[in-house]
C-alpha atoms as a PDB file:
ATOM      1  CA  MET A   1      39.443  14.934 -79.569  1.00  0.00           C
ATOM      2  CA  ILE A   2      41.343  13.437 -76.669  1.00  0.00           C
ATOM      3  CA  LEU A   3      42.944  10.004 -76.636  1.00  0.00           C
ATOM      4  CA  GLU A   4      43.983   8.120 -73.515  1.00  0.00           C
ATOM      5  CA  THR A   5      46.276   5.239 -72.677  1.00  0.00           C
ATOM      6  CA  ALA A   6      47.005   3.617 -69.340  1.00  0.00           C
ATOM      7  CA  ARG A   7      49.461   6.390 -68.406  1.00  0.00           C
ATOM      8  CA  LEU A   8      48.945   9.175 -70.936  1.00  0.00           C
ATOM      9  CA  ILE A   9      46.519  11.726 -72.308  1.00  0.00           C
ATOM     10  CA  LEU A  10      47.001  12.865 -75.911  1.00  0.00           C
ATOM     11  CA  ARG A  11      45.323  16.159 -76.785  1.00  0.00           C
ATOM     12  CA  GLU A  12      45.657  19.106 -79.118  1.00  0.00           C
ATOM     13  CA  MET A  13      48.299  21.604 -78.061  1.00  0.00           C
ATOM     14  CA  THR A  14      47.377  25.106 -76.967  1.00  0.00           C
ATOM     15  CA  GLN A  15      49.352  28.282 -76.343  1.00  0.00           C
ATOM     16  CA  GLU A  16      49.388  27.300 -72.649  1.00  0.00           C
ATOM     17  CA  ASP A  17      51.747  24.446 -73.596  1.00  0.00           C
ATOM     18  CA  PHE A  18      54.470  26.862 -74.704  1.00  0.00           C
ATOM     19  CA  PRO A  19      56.532  26.776 -71.458  1.00  0.00           C
ATOM     20  CA  ALA A  20      56.805  22.961 -71.556  1.00  0.00           C
ATOM     21  CA  LEU A  21      57.482  22.935 -75.309  1.00  0.00           C
ATOM     22  CA  ARG A  22      60.120  25.634 -74.969  1.00  0.00           C
ATOM     23  CA  LYS A  23      62.099  23.464 -72.548  1.00  0.00           C
ATOM     24  CA  ILE A  24      61.948  20.527 -74.968  1.00  0.00           C
ATOM     25  CA  PHE A  25      62.814  22.600 -78.043  1.00  0.00           C
ATOM     26  CA  GLN A  26      65.758  24.345 -76.368  1.00  0.00           C
ATOM     27  CA  ASP A  27      67.466  21.081 -75.371  1.00  0.00           C
ATOM     28  CA  LYS A  28      70.171  20.389 -77.986  1.00  0.00           C
ATOM     29  CA  GLU A  29      70.283  16.669 -77.222  1.00  0.00           C
ATOM     30  CA  VAL A  30      66.515  16.261 -77.613  1.00  0.00           C
ATOM     31  CA  MET A  31      66.556  18.319 -80.827  1.00  0.00           C
ATOM     32  CA  TYR A  32      69.323  16.393 -82.621  1.00  0.00           C
ATOM     33  CA  ALA A  33      66.948  15.329 -85.431  1.00  0.00           C
ATOM     34  CA  TYR A  34      66.054  18.974 -86.047  1.00  0.00           C
ATOM     35  CA  GLU A  35      69.736  19.933 -86.458  1.00  0.00           C
ATOM     36  CA  GLY A  36      69.772  21.904 -83.235  1.00  0.00           C
ATOM     37  CA  ALA A  37      67.741  23.583 -80.556  1.00  0.00           C
ATOM     38  CA  PHE A  38      65.077  26.177 -81.367  1.00  0.00           C
ATOM     39  CA  SER A  39      65.176  29.810 -80.329  1.00  0.00           C
ATOM     40  CA  LEU A  40      62.163  31.174 -78.454  1.00  0.00           C
ATOM     41  CA  ILE A  41      60.846  32.672 -81.684  1.00  0.00           C
ATOM     42  CA  GLU A  42      61.315  29.403 -83.606  1.00  0.00           C
ATOM     43  CA  ALA A  43      59.514  27.506 -80.835  1.00  0.00           C
ATOM     44  CA  GLN A  44      56.575  29.927 -80.926  1.00  0.00           C
ATOM     45  CA  VAL A  45      56.351  29.774 -84.731  1.00  0.00           C
ATOM     46  CA  TRP A  46      56.382  25.961 -84.530  1.00  0.00           C
ATOM     47  CA  LEU A  47      53.536  25.930 -81.985  1.00  0.00           C
ATOM     48  CA  ASP A  48      51.484  28.428 -84.000  1.00  0.00           C
ATOM     49  CA  ARG A  49      51.939  26.313 -87.143  1.00  0.00           C
ATOM     50  CA  GLN A  50      50.916  23.182 -85.264  1.00  0.00           C
ATOM     51  CA  ILE A  51      47.718  24.756 -83.954  1.00  0.00           C
ATOM     52  CA  GLU A  52      46.907  25.887 -87.503  1.00  0.00           C
ATOM     53  CA  ARG A  53      47.394  22.287 -88.745  1.00  0.00           C
ATOM     54  CA  TYR A  54      44.553  21.073 -86.533  1.00  0.00           C
ATOM     55  CA  ARG A  55      42.203  23.470 -88.297  1.00  0.00           C
ATOM     56  CA  LYS A  56      43.611  23.040 -91.794  1.00  0.00           C
ATOM     57  CA  GLU A  57      44.390  19.289 -91.933  1.00  0.00           C
ATOM     58  CA  GLY A  58      42.286  17.933 -89.071  1.00  0.00           C
ATOM     59  CA  PHE A  59      45.256  16.261 -87.399  1.00  0.00           C
ATOM     60  CA  GLY A  60      48.782  16.974 -86.246  1.00  0.00           C
ATOM     61  CA  LEU A  61      51.147  16.529 -83.342  1.00  0.00           C
ATOM     62  CA  TRP A  62      49.432  16.323 -79.966  1.00  0.00           C
ATOM     63  CA  ALA A  63      50.576  17.136 -76.461  1.00  0.00           C
ATOM     64  CA  VAL A  64      51.490  14.020 -74.491  1.00  0.00           C
ATOM     65  CA  VAL A  65      50.503  14.520 -70.857  1.00  0.00           C
ATOM     66  CA  LEU A  66      51.091  12.236 -67.881  1.00  0.00           C
ATOM     67  CA  LYS A  67      47.733  11.245 -66.379  1.00  0.00           C
ATOM     68  CA  GLU A  68      49.223  11.007 -62.904  1.00  0.00           C
ATOM     69  CA  SER A  69      50.593  14.560 -62.748  1.00  0.00           C
ATOM     70  CA  GLY A  70      49.004  16.477 -65.640  1.00  0.00           C
ATOM     71  CA  GLU A  71      52.499  17.356 -66.814  1.00  0.00           C
ATOM     72  CA  MET A  72      53.221  17.687 -70.543  1.00  0.00           C
ATOM     73  CA  ILE A  73      56.230  15.511 -71.368  1.00  0.00           C
ATOM     74  CA  GLY A  74      56.318  15.699 -75.153  1.00  0.00           C
ATOM     75  CA  GLN A  75      54.408  15.506 -78.387  1.00  0.00           C
ATOM     76  CA  CYS A  76      53.348  12.712 -80.705  1.00  0.00           C
ATOM     77  CA  GLY A  77      51.105  12.537 -83.721  1.00  0.00           C
ATOM     78  CA  LEU A  78      50.675  12.665 -87.469  1.00  0.00           C
ATOM     79  CA  THR A  79      52.093  15.178 -89.942  1.00  0.00           C
ATOM     80  CA  MET A  80      52.472  15.436 -93.679  1.00  0.00           C
ATOM     81  CA  GLN A  81      56.122  15.467 -94.753  1.00  0.00           C
ATOM     82  CA  GLY A  82      57.736  16.081 -98.096  1.00  0.00           C
ATOM     83  CA  TYR A  83      59.228  12.949 -99.646  1.00  0.00           C
ATOM     84  CA  LYS A  84      60.496  12.392-103.189  1.00  0.00           C
ATOM     85  CA  GLY A  85      58.531  15.309-104.555  1.00  0.00           C
ATOM     86  CA  GLY A  86      55.279  14.349-102.843  1.00  0.00           C
ATOM     87  CA  GLN A  87      53.674  14.322 -99.417  1.00  0.00           C
ATOM     88  CA  VAL A  88      53.545  11.325 -97.072  1.00  0.00           C
ATOM     89  CA  LEU A  89      51.900  10.853 -93.690  1.00  0.00           C
ATOM     90  CA  GLU A  90      54.424  10.434 -90.889  1.00  0.00           C
ATOM     91  CA  VAL A  91      54.139   9.443 -87.234  1.00  0.00           C
ATOM     92  CA  GLY A  92      56.392  11.727 -85.236  1.00  0.00           C
ATOM     93  CA  TYR A  93      57.253  12.183 -81.591  1.00  0.00           C
ATOM     94  CA  LEU A  94      59.548  14.211 -79.371  1.00  0.00           C
ATOM     95  CA  PHE A  95      59.872  13.854 -75.606  1.00  0.00           C
ATOM     96  CA  ARG A  96      61.832  15.686 -72.964  1.00  0.00           C
ATOM     97  CA  LYS A  97      64.990  13.858 -71.991  1.00  0.00           C
ATOM     98  CA  GLU A  98      63.742  12.953 -68.497  1.00  0.00           C
ATOM     99  CA  SER A  99      60.928  10.954 -70.108  1.00  0.00           C
ATOM    100  CA  TRP A 100      63.097   8.817 -72.375  1.00  0.00           C
ATOM    101  CA  HIS A 101      63.237   5.016 -71.895  1.00  0.00           C
ATOM    102  CA  TYR A 102      59.818   4.650 -70.240  1.00  0.00           C
ATOM    103  CA  GLY A 103      57.970   3.468 -73.347  1.00  0.00           C
ATOM    104  CA  TYR A 104      55.898   6.643 -73.685  1.00  0.00           C
ATOM    105  CA  ALA A 105      56.553   7.053 -77.426  1.00  0.00           C
ATOM    106  CA  SER A 106      55.487   3.465 -78.130  1.00  0.00           C
ATOM    107  CA  GLU A 107      52.421   3.791 -75.914  1.00  0.00           C
ATOM    108  CA  ALA A 108      51.321   7.056 -77.536  1.00  0.00           C
ATOM    109  CA  GLY A 109      52.110   5.901 -81.072  1.00  0.00           C
ATOM    110  CA  TYR A 110      50.193   2.676 -80.608  1.00  0.00           C
ATOM    111  CA  ARG A 111      47.127   4.623 -79.455  1.00  0.00           C
ATOM    112  CA  LEU A 112      47.184   6.808 -82.550  1.00  0.00           C
END
């Protein structure tokens, strides 16, 4: 499934997205909520787990791509997170620093 907004395409991630994801995951400022940047191995494990979620759960975090350029600028979507001994559905997003303050997270989240 692919979702679109005025400026964005939201689609399932693939292994071809690894170079763009790696840049996001290795930026310490972007990764503050994860308690630090990911190594290359951690980034690959994360992507592999995400791709498996599509198959297993039917949803997950999607690549956020600029329509104008085709460039992947981040990820946004739904994941199950542990909370108080149970599982809750969470909307999550992460964007490269150069894409902050343009309203992309709100635009993508609203479309979900």
